[in-house]
């Protein structure tokens, strides 16, 4: 997984993030959430977007 610097903090962030706003809803059961997160970790994704909505 490619990474980029997060500003000047020295933290490396994956260029691909995981959107998690549907996690915890009836539409996405916990077993599916676990499977998705496990796969993201295997791909070395370390950027998780937990916002309920995006703004322009």
N, C-alpha and C. Protein backbone atom coordinates (compact mmCIF):
# COMPACT_ATOMS: atom_id res chain seq x y z
N UNK A 1 0.85 -1.17 0.00
CA UNK A 1 0.00 0.00 0.00
C UNK A 1 0.89 1.24 0.00
N UNK A 2 0.61 2.15 -0.89
CA UNK A 2 1.34 3.41 -0.92
C UNK A 2 0.91 4.27 0.26
N UNK A 3 1.84 5.05 0.78
CA UNK A 3 1.56 5.96 1.90
C UNK A 3 2.05 7.36 1.57
N UNK A 4 1.49 8.31 2.28
CA UNK A 4 1.92 9.71 2.15
C UNK A 4 2.09 10.27 3.55
N UNK A 5 2.89 11.34 3.63
CA UNK A 5 3.06 12.03 4.91
C UNK A 5 1.80 12.80 5.26
N UNK A 6 1.46 12.79 6.53
CA UNK A 6 0.34 13.56 7.03
C UNK A 6 0.90 14.91 7.52
N UNK A 7 0.89 15.86 6.61
CA UNK A 7 1.47 17.17 6.92
C UNK A 7 2.93 17.02 7.31
N UNK A 8 3.33 17.71 8.36
CA UNK A 8 4.71 17.64 8.86
C UNK A 8 4.80 16.82 10.14
N UNK A 9 3.77 16.02 10.41
CA UNK A 9 3.70 15.26 11.66
C UNK A 9 4.64 14.06 11.70
N UNK A 10 5.08 13.59 10.53
CA UNK A 10 5.90 12.39 10.49
C UNK A 10 5.07 11.11 10.41
N UNK A 11 3.75 11.26 10.45
CA UNK A 11 2.85 10.11 10.37
C UNK A 11 2.64 9.75 8.91
N UNK A 12 2.72 8.47 8.60
CA UNK A 12 2.48 7.98 7.24
C UNK A 12 1.06 7.45 7.18
N UNK A 13 0.31 7.89 6.16
CA UNK A 13 -1.09 7.51 6.00
C UNK A 13 -1.27 6.84 4.65
N UNK A 14 -2.01 5.74 4.63
CA UNK A 14 -2.26 5.04 3.37
C UNK A 14 -3.04 5.96 2.43
N UNK A 15 -2.74 5.85 1.13
CA UNK A 15 -3.42 6.71 0.15
C UNK A 15 -4.86 6.27 -0.06
N UNK A 16 -5.17 5.04 0.29
CA UNK A 16 -6.55 4.54 0.25
C UNK A 16 -7.07 4.48 1.67
N UNK A 17 -8.27 5.01 1.87
CA UNK A 17 -8.88 4.98 3.19
C UNK A 17 -10.10 4.08 3.20
N UNK A 18 -10.54 3.73 4.38
CA UNK A 18 -11.71 2.88 4.57
C UNK A 18 -12.83 3.73 5.14
N UNK A 19 -13.92 3.88 4.39
CA UNK A 19 -15.09 4.60 4.87
C UNK A 19 -15.93 3.71 5.76
N UNK A 20 -16.19 4.14 6.97
CA UNK A 20 -16.86 3.28 7.96
C UNK A 20 -18.20 3.83 8.44
N UNK A 21 -18.78 4.77 7.72
CA UNK A 21 -20.00 5.40 8.22
C UNK A 21 -21.19 4.45 8.28
N UNK A 22 -21.16 3.34 7.57
CA UNK A 22 -22.25 2.35 7.63
C UNK A 22 -22.03 1.29 8.71
N UNK A 23 -20.86 1.28 9.31
CA UNK A 23 -20.58 0.31 10.36
C UNK A 23 -21.46 0.62 11.57
N UNK A 24 -22.00 -0.41 12.18
CA UNK A 24 -22.86 -0.23 13.34
C UNK A 24 -24.33 -0.09 12.98
N UNK A 25 -24.65 -0.12 11.69
CA UNK A 25 -26.05 -0.04 11.27
C UNK A 25 -26.59 -1.45 11.04
N UNK A 26 -27.89 -1.55 10.93
CA UNK A 26 -28.52 -2.85 10.66
C UNK A 26 -28.12 -3.39 9.30
N UNK A 27 -27.75 -2.50 8.38
CA UNK A 27 -27.40 -2.91 7.01
C UNK A 27 -26.05 -3.62 6.94
N UNK A 28 -25.21 -3.42 7.95
CA UNK A 28 -23.89 -4.04 7.95
C UNK A 28 -23.70 -4.78 9.27
N UNK A 29 -23.94 -6.09 9.29
CA UNK A 29 -23.79 -6.86 10.53
C UNK A 29 -22.35 -6.88 11.01
N UNK A 30 -22.16 -7.10 12.30
CA UNK A 30 -20.84 -7.08 12.90
C UNK A 30 -19.89 -8.06 12.24
N UNK A 31 -20.37 -9.22 11.84
CA UNK A 31 -19.49 -10.20 11.19
C UNK A 31 -18.92 -9.65 9.88
N UNK A 32 -19.72 -8.88 9.16
CA UNK A 32 -19.25 -8.27 7.91
C UNK A 32 -18.25 -7.14 8.21
N UNK A 33 -18.52 -6.36 9.25
CA UNK A 33 -17.60 -5.30 9.66
C UNK A 33 -16.24 -5.91 9.99
N UNK A 34 -16.25 -6.97 10.76
CA UNK A 34 -14.99 -7.64 11.13
C UNK A 34 -14.23 -8.11 9.90
N UNK A 35 -14.94 -8.70 8.93
CA UNK A 35 -14.31 -9.18 7.71
C UNK A 35 -13.69 -8.04 6.92
N UNK A 36 -14.41 -6.92 6.81
CA UNK A 36 -13.91 -5.75 6.07
C UNK A 36 -12.67 -5.17 6.73
N UNK A 37 -12.73 -5.00 8.05
CA UNK A 37 -11.59 -4.43 8.78
C UNK A 37 -10.38 -5.36 8.68
N UNK A 38 -10.59 -6.65 8.84
CA UNK A 38 -9.48 -7.59 8.72
C UNK A 38 -8.82 -7.50 7.35
N UNK A 39 -9.63 -7.40 6.32
CA UNK A 39 -9.08 -7.31 4.95
C UNK A 39 -8.33 -5.99 4.77
N UNK A 40 -8.87 -4.90 5.29
CA UNK A 40 -8.19 -3.60 5.19
C UNK A 40 -6.82 -3.66 5.90
N UNK A 41 -6.77 -4.31 7.04
CA UNK A 41 -5.49 -4.44 7.75
C UNK A 41 -4.49 -5.28 6.96
N UNK A 42 -4.99 -6.33 6.31
CA UNK A 42 -4.12 -7.15 5.46
C UNK A 42 -3.52 -6.32 4.33
N UNK A 43 -4.30 -5.36 3.82
CA UNK A 43 -3.84 -4.49 2.74
C UNK A 43 -3.01 -3.32 3.25
N UNK A 44 -2.84 -3.23 4.55
CA UNK A 44 -2.07 -2.18 5.23
C UNK A 44 -2.74 -0.80 5.11
N UNK A 45 -4.07 -0.79 5.07
CA UNK A 45 -4.81 0.47 5.09
C UNK A 45 -4.87 0.95 6.54
N UNK A 46 -4.39 2.16 6.79
CA UNK A 46 -4.38 2.69 8.15
C UNK A 46 -5.15 4.00 8.27
N UNK A 47 -5.90 4.34 7.24
CA UNK A 47 -6.70 5.58 7.25
C UNK A 47 -8.18 5.18 7.25
N UNK A 48 -8.87 5.46 8.37
CA UNK A 48 -10.28 5.14 8.49
C UNK A 48 -11.09 6.42 8.61
N UNK A 49 -12.04 6.58 7.72
CA UNK A 49 -12.91 7.76 7.72
C UNK A 49 -14.17 7.39 8.50
N UNK A 50 -14.36 8.00 9.65
CA UNK A 50 -15.51 7.68 10.52
C UNK A 50 -16.59 8.76 10.50
N UNK A 51 -16.46 9.75 9.61
CA UNK A 51 -17.45 10.83 9.56
C UNK A 51 -18.82 10.31 9.13
N UNK A 52 -19.88 10.88 9.72
CA UNK A 52 -21.24 10.52 9.33
C UNK A 52 -21.59 11.05 7.96
N UNK A 53 -21.00 12.17 7.57
CA UNK A 53 -21.30 12.78 6.27
C UNK A 53 -20.13 13.64 5.84
N UNK A 54 -19.99 13.82 4.53
CA UNK A 54 -18.98 14.70 3.98
C UNK A 54 -19.59 16.05 3.66
N UNK A 55 -18.82 17.10 3.81
CA UNK A 55 -19.28 18.43 3.45
C UNK A 55 -18.43 19.00 2.35
N UNK A 56 -19.03 19.83 1.52
CA UNK A 56 -18.28 20.50 0.45
C UNK A 56 -17.89 21.88 0.87
